[in-house]
PDB file of N, CA and C in Angstrom:
ATOM      1  N   MET A   1       3.415 -11.903  13.367  1.00  0.00           N
ATOM      2  CA  MET A   1       2.456 -11.036  12.733  1.00  0.00           C
ATOM      3  C   MET A   1       2.962 -10.719  11.359  1.00  0.00           C
ATOM      4  N   PRO A   2       2.118 -10.894  10.328  1.00  0.00           N
ATOM      5  CA  PRO A   2       2.551 -10.540   8.979  1.00  0.00           C
ATOM      6  C   PRO A   2       2.641  -9.027   8.842  1.00  0.00           C
ATOM      7  N   CYS A   3       3.767  -8.565   8.353  1.00  0.00           N
ATOM      8  CA  CYS A   3       3.981  -7.110   8.115  1.00  0.00           C
ATOM      9  C   CYS A   3       4.574  -6.916   6.755  1.00  0.00           C
ATOM     10  N   LYS A   4       3.820  -7.199   5.744  1.00  0.00           N
ATOM     11  CA  LYS A   4       4.266  -7.096   4.392  1.00  0.00           C
ATOM     12  C   LYS A   4       4.435  -5.616   3.997  1.00  0.00           C
ATOM     13  N   ILE A   5       5.603  -5.312   3.417  1.00  0.00           N
ATOM     14  CA  ILE A   5       5.870  -3.978   2.909  1.00  0.00           C
ATOM     15  C   ILE A   5       6.262  -4.153   1.456  1.00  0.00           C
ATOM     16  N   ASN A   6       5.608  -3.395   0.581  1.00  0.00           N
ATOM     17  CA  ASN A   6       5.883  -3.443  -0.890  1.00  0.00           C
ATOM     18  C   ASN A   6       6.685  -2.215  -1.269  1.00  0.00           C
ATOM     19  N   VAL A   7       7.711  -2.437  -2.095  1.00  0.00           N
ATOM     20  CA  VAL A   7       8.496  -1.355  -2.667  1.00  0.00           C
ATOM     21  C   VAL A   7       8.364  -1.503  -4.180  1.00  0.00           C
ATOM     22  N   LEU A   8       7.902  -0.417  -4.811  1.00  0.00           N
ATOM     23  CA  LEU A   8       7.729  -0.482  -6.254  1.00  0.00           C
ATOM     24  C   LEU A   8       8.129   0.825  -6.878  1.00  0.00           C
ATOM     25  N   GLU A   9       8.385   0.765  -8.178  1.00  0.00           N
ATOM     26  CA  GLU A   9       8.726   1.962  -8.941  1.00  0.00           C
ATOM     27  C   GLU A   9       7.586   2.263  -9.914  1.00  0.00           C
ATOM     28  N   GLU A  10       7.185   3.521  -9.923  1.00  0.00           N
ATOM     29  CA  GLU A  10       6.094   3.926 -10.801  1.00  0.00           C
ATOM     30  C   GLU A  10       6.421   5.316 -11.375  1.00  0.00           C
ATOM     31  N   ASN A  11       6.512   5.404 -12.671  1.00  0.00           N
ATOM     32  CA  ASN A  11       6.844   6.666 -13.335  1.00  0.00           C
ATOM     33  C   ASN A  11       8.111   7.303 -12.804  1.00  0.00           C
ATOM     34  N   GLY A  12       9.126   6.462 -12.553  1.00  0.00           N
ATOM     35  CA  GLY A  12      10.425   6.943 -12.136  1.00  0.00           C
ATOM     36  C   GLY A  12      10.523   7.255 -10.650  1.00  0.00           C
ATOM     37  N   LYS A  13       9.452   7.032  -9.890  1.00  0.00           N
ATOM     38  CA  LYS A  13       9.437   7.286  -8.451  1.00  0.00           C
ATOM     39  C   LYS A  13       9.297   5.960  -7.695  1.00  0.00           C
ATOM     40  N   VAL A  14      10.020   5.892  -6.585  1.00  0.00           N
ATOM     41  CA  VAL A  14       9.952   4.697  -5.745  1.00  0.00           C
ATOM     42  C   VAL A  14       8.828   4.941  -4.743  1.00  0.00           C
ATOM     43  N   LYS A  15       7.954   3.937  -4.616  1.00  0.00           N
ATOM     44  CA  LYS A  15       6.846   4.013  -3.670  1.00  0.00           C
ATOM     45  C   LYS A  15       6.958   2.874  -2.664  1.00  0.00           C
ATOM     46  N   ILE A  16       6.584   3.158  -1.421  1.00  0.00           N
ATOM     47  CA  ILE A  16       6.590   2.159  -0.365  1.00  0.00           C
ATOM     48  C   ILE A  16       5.164   2.064   0.132  1.00  0.00           C
ATOM     49  N   ALA A  17       4.620   0.847   0.155  1.00  0.00           N
ATOM     50  CA  ALA A  17       3.236   0.646   0.583  1.00  0.00           C
ATOM     51  C   ALA A  17       3.119  -0.595   1.459  1.00  0.00           C
ATOM     52  N   GLY A  18       2.184  -0.548   2.343  1.00  0.00           N
ATOM     53  CA  GLY A  18       1.930  -1.701   3.196  1.00  0.00           C
ATOM     54  C   GLY A  18       0.680  -1.477   4.069  1.00  0.00           C
ATOM     55  N   MET A  19       0.227  -2.527   4.670  1.00  0.00           N
ATOM     56  CA  MET A  19      -0.922  -2.404   5.547  1.00  0.00           C
ATOM     57  C   MET A  19      -0.431  -2.173   6.960  1.00  0.00           C
ATOM     58  N   ARG A  20      -1.098  -1.305   7.667  1.00  0.00           N
ATOM     59  CA  ARG A  20      -0.709  -1.016   9.070  1.00  0.00           C
ATOM     60  C   ARG A  20      -0.994  -2.230   9.962  1.00  0.00           C
ATOM     61  N   PRO A  21      -0.041  -2.573  10.817  1.00  0.00           N
ATOM     62  CA  PRO A  21      -0.257  -3.702  11.704  1.00  0.00           C
ATOM     63  C   PRO A  21      -1.503  -3.540  12.585  1.00  0.00           C
ATOM     64  N   THR A  22      -1.886  -2.325  12.934  1.00  0.00           N
ATOM     65  CA  THR A  22      -3.084  -2.172  13.740  1.00  0.00           C
ATOM     66  C   THR A  22      -4.329  -2.599  12.977  1.00  0.00           C
ATOM     67  N   MET A  23      -4.305  -2.448  11.687  1.00  0.00           N
ATOM     68  CA  MET A  23      -5.415  -2.962  10.834  1.00  0.00           C
ATOM     69  C   MET A  23      -5.355  -4.528  10.749  1.00  0.00           C
ATOM     70  N   ILE A  24      -4.168  -5.049  10.578  1.00  0.00           N
ATOM     71  CA  ILE A  24      -3.981  -6.484  10.439  1.00  0.00           C
ATOM     72  C   ILE A  24      -4.455  -7.155  11.720  1.00  0.00           C
ATOM     73  N   SER A  25      -4.204  -6.555  12.855  1.00  0.00           N
ATOM     74  CA  SER A  25      -4.518  -7.198  14.151  1.00  0.00           C
ATOM     75  C   SER A  25      -6.042  -7.434  14.296  1.00  0.00           C
ATOM     76  N   GLN A  26      -6.842  -6.693  13.548  1.00  0.00           N
ATOM     77  CA  GLN A  26      -8.281  -6.901  13.614  1.00  0.00           C
ATOM     78  C   GLN A  26      -8.684  -8.268  13.032  1.00  0.00           C
ATOM     79  N   PHE A  27      -7.793  -8.827  12.182  1.00  0.00           N
ATOM     80  CA  PHE A  27      -8.078 -10.108  11.579  1.00  0.00           C
ATOM     81  C   PHE A  27      -7.418 -11.256  12.341  1.00  0.00           C
ATOM     82  N   PHE A  28      -6.529 -10.943  13.298  1.00  0.00           N
ATOM     83  CA  PHE A  28      -5.843 -11.935  14.104  1.00  0.00           C
ATOM     84  C   PHE A  28      -6.123 -11.644  15.537  1.00  0.00           C
ATOM     85  N   PRO A  29      -7.162 -12.194  16.156  1.00  0.00           N
ATOM     86  CA  PRO A  29      -7.521 -11.837  17.526  1.00  0.00           C
ATOM     87  C   PRO A  29      -6.444 -12.210  18.565  1.00  0.00           C
ATOM     88  N   GLU A  30      -5.525 -13.132  18.200  1.00  0.00           N
ATOM     89  CA  GLU A  30      -4.499 -13.505  19.153  1.00  0.00           C
ATOM     90  C   GLU A  30      -3.452 -12.436  19.312  1.00  0.00           C
ATOM     91  N   ILE A  31      -3.471 -11.405  18.483  1.00  0.00           N
ATOM     92  CA  ILE A  31      -2.504 -10.296  18.543  1.00  0.00           C
ATOM     93  C   ILE A  31      -3.207  -9.166  19.211  1.00  0.00           C
ATOM     94  N   GLY A  32      -2.613  -8.691  20.338  1.00  0.00           N
ATOM     95  CA  GLY A  32      -3.184  -7.591  21.079  1.00  0.00           C
ATOM     96  C   GLY A  32      -2.998  -6.261  20.371  1.00  0.00           C
ATOM     97  N   SER A  33      -3.887  -5.320  20.647  1.00  0.00           N
ATOM     98  CA  SER A  33      -3.792  -4.027  20.013  1.00  0.00           C
ATOM     99  C   SER A  33      -2.556  -3.282  20.426  1.00  0.00           C
ATOM    100  N   LYS A  34      -2.148  -3.413  21.651  1.00  0.00           N
ATOM    101  CA  LYS A  34      -0.915  -2.703  22.128  1.00  0.00           C
ATOM    102  C   LYS A  34       0.315  -3.257  21.417  1.00  0.00           C
ATOM    103  N   GLU A  35       0.354  -4.574  21.236  1.00  0.00           N
ATOM    104  CA  GLU A  35       1.459  -5.185  20.508  1.00  0.00           C
ATOM    105  C   GLU A  35       1.503  -4.684  19.045  1.00  0.00           C
ATOM    106  N   ALA A  36       0.329  -4.617  18.432  1.00  0.00           N
ATOM    107  CA  ALA A  36       0.228  -4.136  17.038  1.00  0.00           C
ATOM    108  C   ALA A  36       0.657  -2.701  16.951  1.00  0.00           C
ATOM    109  N   GLU A  37       0.308  -1.882  17.904  1.00  0.00           N
ATOM    110  CA  GLU A  37       0.697  -0.469  17.899  1.00  0.00           C
ATOM    111  C   GLU A  37       2.190  -0.300  17.995  1.00  0.00           C
ATOM    112  N   GLU A  38       2.863  -1.162  18.773  1.00  0.00           N
ATOM    113  CA  GLU A  38       4.325  -1.108  18.889  1.00  0.00           C
ATOM    114  C   GLU A  38       4.990  -1.509  17.581  1.00  0.00           C
ATOM    115  N   VAL A  39       4.451  -2.561  16.979  1.00  0.00           N
ATOM    116  CA  VAL A  39       5.001  -2.992  15.701  1.00  0.00           C
ATOM    117  C   VAL A  39       4.783  -1.940  14.627  1.00  0.00           C
ATOM    118  N   GLU A  40       3.623  -1.314  14.659  1.00  0.00           N
ATOM    119  CA  GLU A  40       3.326  -0.275  13.651  1.00  0.00           C
ATOM    120  C   GLU A  40       4.331   0.889  13.777  1.00  0.00           C
ATOM    121  N   LYS A  41       4.660   1.288  14.992  1.00  0.00           N
ATOM    122  CA  LYS A  41       5.629   2.339  15.194  1.00  0.00           C
ATOM    123  C   LYS A  41       6.961   1.973  14.552  1.00  0.00           C
ATOM    124  N   ASP A  42       7.380   0.717  14.756  1.00  0.00           N
ATOM    125  CA  ASP A  42       8.658   0.258  14.182  1.00  0.00           C
ATOM    126  C   ASP A  42       8.602   0.191  12.662  1.00  0.00           C
ATOM    127  N   VAL A  43       7.479  -0.221  12.111  1.00  0.00           N
ATOM    128  CA  VAL A  43       7.350  -0.291  10.656  1.00  0.00           C
ATOM    129  C   VAL A  43       7.376   1.095  10.045  1.00  0.00           C
ATOM    130  N   ILE A  44       6.655   2.043  10.660  1.00  0.00           N
ATOM    131  CA  ILE A  44       6.670   3.444  10.203  1.00  0.00           C
ATOM    132  C   ILE A  44       8.060   4.025  10.251  1.00  0.00           C
ATOM    133  N   GLU A  45       8.787   3.719  11.315  1.00  0.00           N
ATOM    134  CA  GLU A  45      10.164   4.235  11.452  1.00  0.00           C
ATOM    135  C   GLU A  45      11.044   3.668  10.336  1.00  0.00           C
ATOM    136  N   MET A  46      10.934   2.357  10.040  1.00  0.00           N
ATOM    137  CA  MET A  46      11.700   1.731   8.962  1.00  0.00           C
ATOM    138  C   MET A  46      11.374   2.393   7.608  1.00  0.00           C
ATOM    139  N   VAL A  47      10.093   2.577   7.349  1.00  0.00           N
ATOM    140  CA  VAL A  47       9.711   3.149   6.050  1.00  0.00           C
ATOM    141  C   VAL A  47      10.210   4.602   5.952  1.00  0.00           C
ATOM    142  N   ASN A  48      10.102   5.377   7.027  1.00  0.00           N
ATOM    143  CA  ASN A  48      10.583   6.738   6.981  1.00  0.00           C
ATOM    144  C   ASN A  48      12.083   6.829   6.809  1.00  0.00           C
ATOM    145  N   ASN A  49      12.822   5.859   7.427  1.00  0.00           N
ATOM    146  CA  ASN A  49      14.267   5.827   7.300  1.00  0.00           C
ATOM    147  C   ASN A  49      14.680   5.414   5.887  1.00  0.00           C
ATOM    148  N   ALA A  50      13.854   4.720   5.175  1.00  0.00           N
ATOM    149  CA  ALA A  50      14.183   4.273   3.825  1.00  0.00           C
ATOM    150  C   ALA A  50      13.966   5.358   2.773  1.00  0.00           C
ATOM    151  N   ARG A  51      13.317   6.443   3.149  1.00  0.00           N
ATOM    152  CA  ARG A  51      13.017   7.526   2.201  1.00  0.00           C
ATOM    153  C   ARG A  51      14.256   8.220   1.781  1.00  0.00           C
TER     154      ARG A  51
END
C-alpha cells in the first residue's frame, strides 16, 4: 500500500503531510478497510513521534 509522507519546511517551520491510508484504500479495492485502518494508526504514530 502506498503511504507517502511529505516533510517540508515553510516559513521556518517543519510540516509533515500525507494522505490517510483509509482514503487511499478507496482507490485500491484489493486493500481491506481493516488493514488500511491498522496502517493508518501506525502512520499517525510515526508522524506524532517525529514531532
